[in-house]
Structures are given as structure tokens and as C-alpha cells.
N, C-alpha and C. Protein backbone atom coordinates (compact mmCIF):
# COMPACT_ATOMS: atom_id res chain seq x y z
N UNK A 1 6.37 -10.22 -5.55
CA UNK A 1 6.12 -9.36 -6.69
C UNK A 1 6.58 -7.92 -6.41
N UNK A 2 6.67 -7.55 -5.15
CA UNK A 2 7.10 -6.18 -4.82
C UNK A 2 8.49 -5.88 -5.37
N UNK A 3 9.34 -6.90 -5.47
CA UNK A 3 10.68 -6.67 -5.98
C UNK A 3 10.66 -6.19 -7.44
N UNK A 4 9.61 -6.52 -8.17
CA UNK A 4 9.48 -6.03 -9.55
C UNK A 4 9.30 -4.51 -9.56
N UNK A 5 8.45 -4.03 -8.68
CA UNK A 5 8.15 -2.60 -8.62
C UNK A 5 9.13 -1.81 -7.76
N UNK A 6 9.74 -2.48 -6.80
CA UNK A 6 10.68 -1.83 -5.88
C UNK A 6 11.94 -2.67 -5.74
N UNK A 7 12.83 -2.60 -6.73
CA UNK A 7 14.06 -3.39 -6.63
C UNK A 7 14.99 -2.91 -5.50
N UNK A 8 14.86 -1.66 -5.11
CA UNK A 8 15.67 -1.14 -4.00
C UNK A 8 15.18 -1.76 -2.68
N UNK A 9 16.06 -2.47 -2.00
CA UNK A 9 15.68 -3.20 -0.79
C UNK A 9 15.12 -2.30 0.31
N UNK A 10 15.66 -1.11 0.47
CA UNK A 10 15.20 -0.22 1.54
C UNK A 10 13.77 0.23 1.30
N UNK A 11 13.47 0.61 0.07
CA UNK A 11 12.11 1.05 -0.26
C UNK A 11 11.13 -0.11 -0.14
N UNK A 12 11.55 -1.27 -0.63
CA UNK A 12 10.69 -2.44 -0.57
C UNK A 12 10.45 -2.88 0.88
N UNK A 13 11.47 -2.78 1.70
CA UNK A 13 11.35 -3.19 3.11
C UNK A 13 10.30 -2.36 3.84
N UNK A 14 10.17 -1.09 3.47
CA UNK A 14 9.14 -0.25 4.10
C UNK A 14 7.75 -0.78 3.82
N UNK A 15 7.52 -1.22 2.60
CA UNK A 15 6.21 -1.78 2.24
C UNK A 15 6.01 -3.16 2.85
N UNK A 16 7.08 -3.95 2.90
CA UNK A 16 6.98 -5.30 3.44
C UNK A 16 6.74 -5.30 4.96
N UNK A 17 7.11 -4.22 5.63
CA UNK A 17 6.90 -4.14 7.08
C UNK A 17 5.62 -3.38 7.43
N UNK A 18 4.90 -2.91 6.43
CA UNK A 18 3.68 -2.14 6.62
C UNK A 18 2.56 -3.06 7.14
N UNK A 19 1.63 -2.50 7.90
CA UNK A 19 0.51 -3.31 8.41
C UNK A 19 -0.38 -3.83 7.27
N UNK A 20 -0.28 -3.23 6.11
CA UNK A 20 -1.05 -3.68 4.94
C UNK A 20 -0.21 -4.51 3.97
N UNK A 21 0.91 -5.02 4.43
CA UNK A 21 1.87 -5.71 3.56
C UNK A 21 1.24 -6.81 2.72
N UNK A 22 0.40 -7.62 3.30
CA UNK A 22 -0.18 -8.73 2.52
C UNK A 22 -1.10 -8.20 1.42
N UNK A 23 -1.81 -7.12 1.71
CA UNK A 23 -2.68 -6.50 0.70
C UNK A 23 -1.84 -5.83 -0.40
N UNK A 24 -0.75 -5.22 0.01
CA UNK A 24 0.14 -4.56 -0.95
C UNK A 24 0.75 -5.59 -1.89
N UNK A 25 1.18 -6.71 -1.35
CA UNK A 25 1.75 -7.77 -2.18
C UNK A 25 0.69 -8.31 -3.15
N UNK A 26 -0.52 -8.55 -2.66
CA UNK A 26 -1.60 -9.02 -3.54
C UNK A 26 -1.89 -8.01 -4.64
N UNK A 27 -1.88 -6.74 -4.29
CA UNK A 27 -2.14 -5.69 -5.29
C UNK A 27 -1.03 -5.67 -6.33
N UNK A 28 0.21 -5.85 -5.90
CA UNK A 28 1.33 -5.87 -6.84
C UNK A 28 1.15 -7.00 -7.86
N UNK A 29 0.74 -8.16 -7.38
CA UNK A 29 0.49 -9.29 -8.28
C UNK A 29 -0.64 -8.97 -9.24
N UNK A 30 -1.70 -8.38 -8.72
CA UNK A 30 -2.85 -8.02 -9.55
C UNK A 30 -2.45 -7.04 -10.64
N UNK A 31 -1.74 -5.98 -10.27
CA UNK A 31 -1.34 -4.97 -11.26
C UNK A 31 -0.49 -5.58 -12.36
N UNK A 32 0.42 -6.45 -11.98
CA UNK A 32 1.30 -7.09 -12.97
C UNK A 32 0.49 -8.01 -13.88
N UNK A 33 -0.36 -8.84 -13.28
CA UNK A 33 -1.17 -9.78 -14.06
C UNK A 33 -2.12 -9.07 -15.02
N UNK A 34 -2.64 -7.92 -14.60
CA UNK A 34 -3.60 -7.19 -15.42
C UNK A 34 -2.94 -6.26 -16.43
N UNK A 35 -1.62 -6.16 -16.38
CA UNK A 35 -0.89 -5.36 -17.36
C UNK A 35 -0.96 -3.86 -17.14
N UNK A 36 -1.21 -3.45 -15.90
CA UNK A 36 -1.22 -2.02 -15.60
C UNK A 36 0.18 -1.44 -15.79
N UNK A 37 0.24 -0.15 -16.10
CA UNK A 37 1.54 0.46 -16.32
C UNK A 37 2.37 0.43 -15.04
N UNK A 38 3.66 0.38 -15.22
CA UNK A 38 4.59 0.31 -14.10
C UNK A 38 4.40 1.49 -13.15
N UNK A 39 4.36 2.69 -13.71
CA UNK A 39 4.22 3.90 -12.89
C UNK A 39 2.92 3.95 -12.12
N UNK A 40 1.83 3.56 -12.77
CA UNK A 40 0.52 3.54 -12.11
C UNK A 40 0.55 2.56 -10.93
N UNK A 41 1.04 1.36 -11.19
CA UNK A 41 1.08 0.34 -10.14
C UNK A 41 1.96 0.78 -8.99
N UNK A 42 3.11 1.33 -9.30
CA UNK A 42 4.03 1.76 -8.26
C UNK A 42 3.41 2.86 -7.40
N UNK A 43 2.71 3.79 -8.01
CA UNK A 43 2.07 4.87 -7.25
C UNK A 43 0.94 4.33 -6.38
N UNK A 44 0.16 3.40 -6.89
CA UNK A 44 -0.91 2.79 -6.09
C UNK A 44 -0.34 2.05 -4.90
N UNK A 45 0.72 1.30 -5.10
CA UNK A 45 1.35 0.56 -4.00
C UNK A 45 1.91 1.51 -2.96
N UNK A 46 2.51 2.58 -3.41
CA UNK A 46 3.04 3.60 -2.49
C UNK A 46 1.91 4.22 -1.68
N UNK A 47 0.81 4.50 -2.33
CA UNK A 47 -0.35 5.07 -1.64
C UNK A 47 -0.90 4.11 -0.60
N UNK A 48 -0.94 2.84 -0.92
CA UNK A 48 -1.37 1.84 0.05
C UNK A 48 -0.45 1.85 1.27
N UNK A 49 0.84 2.01 1.01
CA UNK A 49 1.80 2.09 2.11
C UNK A 49 1.55 3.30 2.99
N UNK A 50 1.26 4.44 2.38
CA UNK A 50 0.95 5.65 3.15
C UNK A 50 -0.30 5.44 4.01
N UNK A 51 -1.29 4.78 3.44
CA UNK A 51 -2.51 4.52 4.19
C UNK A 51 -2.22 3.60 5.38
N UNK A 52 -1.42 2.58 5.16
CA UNK A 52 -1.03 1.69 6.25
C UNK A 52 -0.28 2.43 7.35
N UNK A 53 0.62 3.32 6.95
CA UNK A 53 1.35 4.14 7.93
C UNK A 53 0.37 4.99 8.74
N UNK A 54 -0.58 5.58 8.06
CA UNK A 54 -1.58 6.44 8.71
C UNK A 54 -2.39 5.63 9.71
N UNK A 55 -2.79 4.42 9.32
CA UNK A 55 -3.54 3.55 10.22
C UNK A 55 -2.74 3.27 11.50
N UNK A 56 -1.45 2.99 11.32
CA UNK A 56 -0.61 2.70 12.48
C UNK A 56 -0.48 3.90 13.40
N UNK A 57 -0.27 5.07 12.83
CA UNK A 57 -0.14 6.29 13.63
C UNK A 57 -1.43 6.56 14.40
N UNK A 58 -2.56 6.32 13.76
CA UNK A 58 -3.86 6.56 14.39
C UNK A 58 -4.27 5.43 15.33
N UNK A 59 -3.53 4.33 15.34
CA UNK A 59 -3.86 3.20 16.19
C UNK A 59 -5.09 2.43 15.75
N UNK A 60 -5.33 2.40 14.45
CA UNK A 60 -6.51 1.73 13.90
C UNK A 60 -6.10 0.34 13.39
N UNK A 61 -6.63 -0.71 14.00
CA UNK A 61 -6.31 -2.06 13.51
C UNK A 61 -6.87 -2.28 12.10
N UNK A 62 -6.13 -3.01 11.30
CA UNK A 62 -6.55 -3.27 9.92
C UNK A 62 -7.94 -3.90 9.88
N UNK A 63 -8.22 -4.78 10.81
CA UNK A 63 -9.52 -5.47 10.82
C UNK A 63 -10.68 -4.54 11.17
N UNK A 64 -10.38 -3.31 11.59
CA UNK A 64 -11.42 -2.36 11.97
C UNK A 64 -11.60 -1.22 10.97
N UNK A 65 -10.89 -1.26 9.87
CA UNK A 65 -10.94 -0.16 8.90
C UNK A 65 -12.33 -0.06 8.28
N UNK A 66 -12.81 1.16 8.21
CA UNK A 66 -14.12 1.43 7.60
C UNK A 66 -13.92 2.44 6.46
N UNK A 67 -14.99 2.64 5.71
CA UNK A 67 -14.95 3.64 4.65
C UNK A 67 -14.72 5.02 5.26
N UNK A 68 -15.20 5.24 6.47
CA UNK A 68 -14.96 6.51 7.16
C UNK A 68 -13.48 6.78 7.36
N UNK A 69 -12.71 5.74 7.68
CA UNK A 69 -11.27 5.90 7.83
C UNK A 69 -10.63 6.28 6.50
N UNK A 70 -11.07 5.61 5.46
CA UNK A 70 -10.53 5.90 4.12
C UNK A 70 -10.82 7.36 3.75
N UNK A 71 -12.03 7.81 4.02
CA UNK A 71 -12.40 9.19 3.69
C UNK A 71 -11.58 10.19 4.49
N UNK A 72 -11.34 9.90 5.78
CA UNK A 72 -10.52 10.80 6.60
C UNK A 72 -9.10 10.85 6.08
N UNK A 73 -8.58 9.71 5.70
CA UNK A 73 -7.22 9.66 5.14
C UNK A 73 -7.14 10.48 3.85
N UNK A 74 -8.09 10.28 2.95
CA UNK A 74 -8.07 10.97 1.67
C UNK A 74 -8.35 12.47 1.80
N UNK A 75 -9.05 12.86 2.84
CA UNK A 75 -9.38 14.28 3.04
C UNK A 75 -8.13 15.10 3.33
N UNK A 76 -7.05 14.47 3.68
CA UNK A 76 -5.80 15.18 3.97
C UNK A 76 -5.15 15.75 2.71
N UNK A 77 -5.56 15.26 1.56
CA UNK A 77 -4.87 15.62 0.32
C UNK A 77 -5.64 16.58 -0.50
């Protein structure tokens, strides 16, 4: 489903190689099925990718993510 939101292979490859890739793909399917706007869905997917990148830089395994990690990530903005 990511190809719908990211037809450009390079941009899509970044999300497909992200540590949250399976979640991002599931979210893409959800947004499409629920009829969310293209721009909204694309921005949410991009944000998920940024969060996954942040987790990798911080060395935080996906299985260990807590609400505290989410809050620290969001506090940057």
C-alpha cells in the first residue's frame, strides 16, 4: 500500500527499510481503507518514519518503546 502514497521508489524505500516498516505498511492500509485524505495519510506515514529513525539513532528496540519515548520524540518539535 505504500506505493499508493509514495510512488517514488527512493522515498518509499526509506520507509520500507525503517524499523517500523510493518507498522507503517499497516497504517497505510488503514488510512486508505478508512478514506483519510491523501495528504493527511502521507504526513502521518512520514512522521512514523521519522519516529522509527529516531528510535534507531537512540538505540531503542521497537519492542521496548514506551509512552515516555513517544513524549521525548514529540518534545523535539
